[in-house]
């Protein structure tokens, strides 16, 4: 899109009371799902020699990664479940 057209659109949007806010450039380092998937792929590559089936390695990877994520960054809704699993608080309030 040409710069002149963008400028007109921004003015039109702001004329009705809205403000245009730009997103930050994409950064793989700031995206948690990218880190999760990268770790999962690395784990699968290392485990594929130990498992006889590819499906088993993927299932195990999801289990390990999810368990690690939930113990390190427990969402508020899941804190009681983690407490029930481990019998102790593993997070700070």
N, C-alpha and C. Protein backbone atom coordinates (compact mmCIF):
# COMPACT_ATOMS: atom_id res chain seq x y z
N UNK A 1 0.85 -1.17 0.00
CA UNK A 1 0.00 0.00 0.00
C UNK A 1 0.90 1.24 0.00
N UNK A 2 0.52 2.18 -0.76
CA UNK A 2 1.31 3.41 -0.84
C UNK A 2 1.21 4.22 0.46
N UNK A 3 2.26 4.98 0.69
CA UNK A 3 2.31 5.80 1.90
C UNK A 3 1.15 6.79 1.95
N UNK A 4 0.81 7.38 0.80
CA UNK A 4 -0.27 8.37 0.77
C UNK A 4 -1.60 7.73 1.15
N UNK A 5 -1.82 6.50 0.71
CA UNK A 5 -3.07 5.82 1.03
C UNK A 5 -3.13 5.47 2.51
N UNK A 6 -2.01 5.04 3.06
CA UNK A 6 -1.98 4.73 4.49
C UNK A 6 -2.27 5.97 5.32
N UNK A 7 -1.69 7.08 4.92
CA UNK A 7 -1.89 8.33 5.65
C UNK A 7 -3.37 8.72 5.65
N UNK A 8 -4.03 8.55 4.52
CA UNK A 8 -5.46 8.86 4.43
C UNK A 8 -6.28 7.94 5.33
N UNK A 9 -5.92 6.68 5.34
CA UNK A 9 -6.65 5.73 6.18
C UNK A 9 -6.46 6.05 7.66
N UNK A 10 -5.24 6.39 8.05
CA UNK A 10 -4.98 6.74 9.44
C UNK A 10 -5.79 7.96 9.85
N UNK A 11 -5.84 8.95 8.99
CA UNK A 11 -6.61 10.16 9.29
C UNK A 11 -8.10 9.83 9.40
N UNK A 12 -8.60 8.97 8.52
CA UNK A 12 -10.00 8.58 8.56
C UNK A 12 -10.32 7.84 9.86
N UNK A 13 -9.45 6.93 10.25
CA UNK A 13 -9.66 6.18 11.49
C UNK A 13 -9.63 7.10 12.69
N UNK A 14 -8.67 8.01 12.73
CA UNK A 14 -8.55 8.93 13.85
C UNK A 14 -9.68 9.96 13.88
N UNK A 15 -10.28 10.25 12.72
CA UNK A 15 -11.37 11.23 12.67
C UNK A 15 -12.64 10.70 13.35
N UNK A 16 -12.79 9.39 13.46
CA UNK A 16 -13.96 8.83 14.12
C UNK A 16 -13.68 8.46 15.57
N UNK A 17 -12.52 8.86 16.08
CA UNK A 17 -12.22 8.70 17.50
C UNK A 17 -11.34 7.52 17.88
N UNK A 18 -10.83 6.81 16.91
CA UNK A 18 -9.94 5.69 17.19
C UNK A 18 -8.49 6.11 16.98
N UNK A 19 -7.58 5.33 17.55
CA UNK A 19 -6.17 5.62 17.39
C UNK A 19 -5.49 4.39 16.79
N UNK A 20 -4.62 4.60 15.84
CA UNK A 20 -3.89 3.51 15.20
C UNK A 20 -2.65 3.22 16.05
N UNK A 21 -2.53 1.97 16.49
CA UNK A 21 -1.37 1.54 17.26
C UNK A 21 -0.72 0.40 16.50
N UNK A 22 0.56 0.51 16.27
CA UNK A 22 1.28 -0.49 15.50
C UNK A 22 1.82 -1.58 16.41
N UNK A 23 1.81 -2.79 15.94
CA UNK A 23 2.40 -3.90 16.67
C UNK A 23 3.91 -3.86 16.53
N UNK A 24 4.59 -4.44 17.51
CA UNK A 24 6.04 -4.56 17.42
C UNK A 24 6.38 -5.55 16.31
N UNK A 25 7.56 -5.45 15.75
CA UNK A 25 7.96 -6.44 14.76
C UNK A 25 7.97 -7.84 15.38
N UNK A 26 7.70 -8.83 14.57
CA UNK A 26 7.64 -10.21 15.06
C UNK A 26 9.01 -10.62 15.60
N UNK A 27 8.99 -11.22 16.76
CA UNK A 27 10.22 -11.72 17.35
C UNK A 27 9.99 -13.14 17.86
N UNK A 28 10.71 -14.08 17.32
CA UNK A 28 10.56 -15.47 17.72
C UNK A 28 10.96 -15.66 19.18
N UNK A 29 11.87 -14.84 19.67
CA UNK A 29 12.32 -14.97 21.06
C UNK A 29 11.25 -14.56 22.06
N UNK A 30 10.32 -13.69 21.65
CA UNK A 30 9.29 -13.21 22.56
C UNK A 30 8.01 -14.04 22.49
N UNK A 31 7.93 -14.97 21.56
CA UNK A 31 6.73 -15.76 21.37
C UNK A 31 6.89 -17.10 22.08
N UNK A 32 6.10 -17.32 23.14
CA UNK A 32 6.24 -18.53 23.95
C UNK A 32 5.91 -19.80 23.18
N UNK A 33 4.92 -19.75 22.28
CA UNK A 33 4.57 -20.96 21.54
C UNK A 33 5.71 -21.38 20.63
N UNK A 34 6.45 -20.41 20.08
CA UNK A 34 7.60 -20.76 19.24
C UNK A 34 8.67 -21.47 20.05
N UNK A 35 8.90 -21.00 21.28
CA UNK A 35 9.88 -21.66 22.14
C UNK A 35 9.40 -23.07 22.51
N UNK A 36 8.11 -23.18 22.82
CA UNK A 36 7.54 -24.48 23.17
C UNK A 36 7.71 -25.47 22.02
N UNK A 37 7.36 -25.05 20.79
CA UNK A 37 7.45 -25.94 19.64
C UNK A 37 8.90 -26.27 19.30
N UNK A 38 9.80 -25.31 19.45
CA UNK A 38 11.22 -25.58 19.18
C UNK A 38 11.77 -26.61 20.17
N UNK A 39 11.40 -26.46 21.44
CA UNK A 39 11.84 -27.44 22.44
C UNK A 39 11.25 -28.82 22.17
N UNK A 40 9.98 -28.83 21.76
CA UNK A 40 9.33 -30.10 21.47
C UNK A 40 10.01 -30.80 20.30
N UNK A 41 10.32 -30.05 19.23
CA UNK A 41 10.98 -30.65 18.06
C UNK A 41 12.37 -31.17 18.43
N UNK A 42 13.11 -30.41 19.24
CA UNK A 42 14.43 -30.85 19.66
C UNK A 42 14.33 -32.14 20.48
N UNK A 43 13.35 -32.18 21.38
CA UNK A 43 13.17 -33.35 22.22
C UNK A 43 12.80 -34.56 21.38
N UNK A 44 11.91 -34.37 20.39
CA UNK A 44 11.51 -35.48 19.51
C UNK A 44 12.71 -36.00 18.74
N UNK A 45 13.54 -35.10 18.21
CA UNK A 45 14.72 -35.54 17.46
C UNK A 45 15.64 -36.40 18.32
N UNK A 46 15.79 -36.01 19.58
CA UNK A 46 16.65 -36.78 20.48
C UNK A 46 16.02 -38.11 20.90
N UNK A 47 14.70 -38.15 21.00
CA UNK A 47 14.02 -39.34 21.48
C UNK A 47 13.67 -40.34 20.38
N UNK A 48 13.68 -39.90 19.13
CA UNK A 48 13.24 -40.77 18.04
C UNK A 48 14.12 -42.01 17.93
N UNK A 49 15.36 -41.94 18.37
CA UNK A 49 16.24 -43.11 18.34
C UNK A 49 15.89 -44.09 19.46
N UNK A 50 15.25 -43.60 20.50
CA UNK A 50 14.91 -44.46 21.63
C UNK A 50 13.52 -45.08 21.51
N UNK A 51 12.64 -44.45 20.77
CA UNK A 51 11.29 -44.96 20.61
C UNK A 51 11.17 -45.74 19.31
N UNK A 52 10.39 -46.79 19.34
CA UNK A 52 10.21 -47.57 18.12
C UNK A 52 9.18 -46.94 17.20
N UNK A 53 8.32 -46.10 17.75
CA UNK A 53 7.28 -45.48 16.93
C UNK A 53 7.35 -43.97 17.07
N UNK A 54 7.12 -43.30 15.96
CA UNK A 54 7.13 -41.84 15.94
C UNK A 54 6.02 -41.27 16.80
N UNK A 55 4.84 -41.89 16.76
CA UNK A 55 3.69 -41.42 17.53
C UNK A 55 4.01 -41.38 19.03
N UNK A 56 4.69 -42.39 19.51
CA UNK A 56 5.04 -42.43 20.93
C UNK A 56 5.95 -41.27 21.32
N UNK A 57 6.87 -40.92 20.44
CA UNK A 57 7.78 -39.82 20.77
C UNK A 57 7.05 -38.49 20.80
N UNK A 58 6.11 -38.30 19.88
CA UNK A 58 5.34 -37.05 19.87
C UNK A 58 4.47 -36.96 21.12
N UNK A 59 3.78 -38.04 21.46
CA UNK A 59 2.93 -38.05 22.65
C UNK A 59 3.75 -37.78 23.91
N UNK A 60 4.88 -38.43 24.02
CA UNK A 60 5.75 -38.22 25.19
C UNK A 60 6.26 -36.79 25.23
N UNK A 61 6.57 -36.22 24.08
CA UNK A 61 7.06 -34.85 24.03
C UNK A 61 6.01 -33.88 24.53
N UNK A 62 4.77 -34.04 24.08
CA UNK A 62 3.71 -33.16 24.56
C UNK A 62 3.53 -33.29 26.06
N UNK A 63 3.60 -34.50 26.56
CA UNK A 63 3.44 -34.72 27.99
C UNK A 63 4.56 -34.04 28.78
N UNK A 64 5.80 -34.25 28.37
CA UNK A 64 6.95 -33.67 29.08
C UNK A 64 6.92 -32.16 29.00
N UNK A 65 6.72 -31.61 27.80
CA UNK A 65 6.73 -30.16 27.63
C UNK A 65 5.59 -29.51 28.40
N UNK A 66 4.40 -30.10 28.36
CA UNK A 66 3.26 -29.54 29.08
C UNK A 66 3.49 -29.59 30.57
N UNK A 67 4.00 -30.69 31.06
CA UNK A 67 4.28 -30.81 32.49
C UNK A 67 5.31 -29.79 32.94
N UNK A 68 6.38 -29.62 32.16
CA UNK A 68 7.40 -28.62 32.50
C UNK A 68 6.82 -27.22 32.47
N UNK A 69 6.04 -26.91 31.44
CA UNK A 69 5.46 -25.57 31.31
C UNK A 69 4.51 -25.29 32.47
N UNK A 70 3.68 -26.27 32.81
CA UNK A 70 2.69 -26.05 33.86
C UNK A 70 3.35 -25.93 35.23
N UNK A 71 4.51 -26.55 35.44
CA UNK A 71 5.16 -26.43 36.74
C UNK A 71 5.98 -25.15 36.84
N UNK A 72 6.48 -24.66 35.71
CA UNK A 72 7.27 -23.43 35.74
C UNK A 72 6.39 -22.20 35.68
N UNK A 73 5.39 -22.21 34.79
CA UNK A 73 4.48 -21.07 34.61
C UNK A 73 3.04 -21.51 34.84
N UNK A 74 2.65 -21.85 36.06
CA UNK A 74 1.28 -22.33 36.24
C UNK A 74 0.26 -21.21 36.10
N UNK A 75 -0.67 -21.35 35.17
CA UNK A 75 -1.74 -20.36 35.07
C UNK A 75 -2.59 -20.38 36.33
N UNK A 76 -3.27 -19.29 36.59
CA UNK A 76 -4.08 -19.16 37.80
C UNK A 76 -5.13 -20.26 37.88
N UNK A 77 -5.76 -20.59 36.76
CA UNK A 77 -6.84 -21.58 36.77
C UNK A 77 -6.33 -22.98 37.09
N UNK A 78 -5.07 -23.26 36.86
CA UNK A 78 -4.54 -24.60 37.06
C UNK A 78 -3.74 -24.75 38.34
N UNK A 79 -3.63 -23.73 39.13
CA UNK A 79 -2.80 -23.81 40.34
C UNK A 79 -3.32 -24.85 41.33
N UNK A 80 -4.63 -24.95 41.47
CA UNK A 80 -5.19 -25.93 42.40
C UNK A 80 -4.91 -27.35 41.94
N UNK A 81 -4.93 -27.58 40.62
CA UNK A 81 -4.64 -28.91 40.09
C UNK A 81 -3.18 -29.28 40.36
N UNK A 82 -2.29 -28.33 40.19
CA UNK A 82 -0.87 -28.59 40.46
C UNK A 82 -0.66 -28.86 41.94
N UNK A 83 -1.37 -28.09 42.78
CA UNK A 83 -1.27 -28.31 44.21
C UNK A 83 -1.76 -29.72 44.56
N UNK A 84 -2.84 -30.15 43.91
CA UNK A 84 -3.36 -31.50 44.18
C UNK A 84 -2.39 -32.58 43.70
N UNK A 85 -1.68 -32.33 42.60
CA UNK A 85 -0.74 -33.32 42.08
C UNK A 85 0.49 -33.46 42.97
N UNK A 86 1.04 -32.34 43.41
CA UNK A 86 2.31 -32.37 44.12
C UNK A 86 2.16 -32.29 45.64
N UNK A 87 1.00 -31.86 46.11
CA UNK A 87 0.79 -31.77 47.55
C UNK A 87 1.50 -30.62 48.21
N UNK A 88 2.05 -29.71 47.42
CA UNK A 88 2.72 -28.54 47.98
C UNK A 88 2.62 -27.40 46.97
N UNK A 89 2.81 -26.20 47.46
CA UNK A 89 2.77 -25.04 46.58
C UNK A 89 4.11 -24.92 45.87
N UNK A 90 4.07 -24.81 44.55
CA UNK A 90 5.31 -24.68 43.79
C UNK A 90 5.38 -23.34 43.08
N UNK A 91 4.58 -22.41 43.53
CA UNK A 91 4.55 -21.09 42.92
C UNK A 91 4.47 -20.06 44.02
N UNK A 92 4.86 -18.85 43.70
CA UNK A 92 4.77 -17.78 44.69
C UNK A 92 3.59 -16.90 44.36
N UNK A 93 2.97 -16.36 45.40
CA UNK A 93 1.81 -15.49 45.19
C UNK A 93 2.18 -14.05 45.38
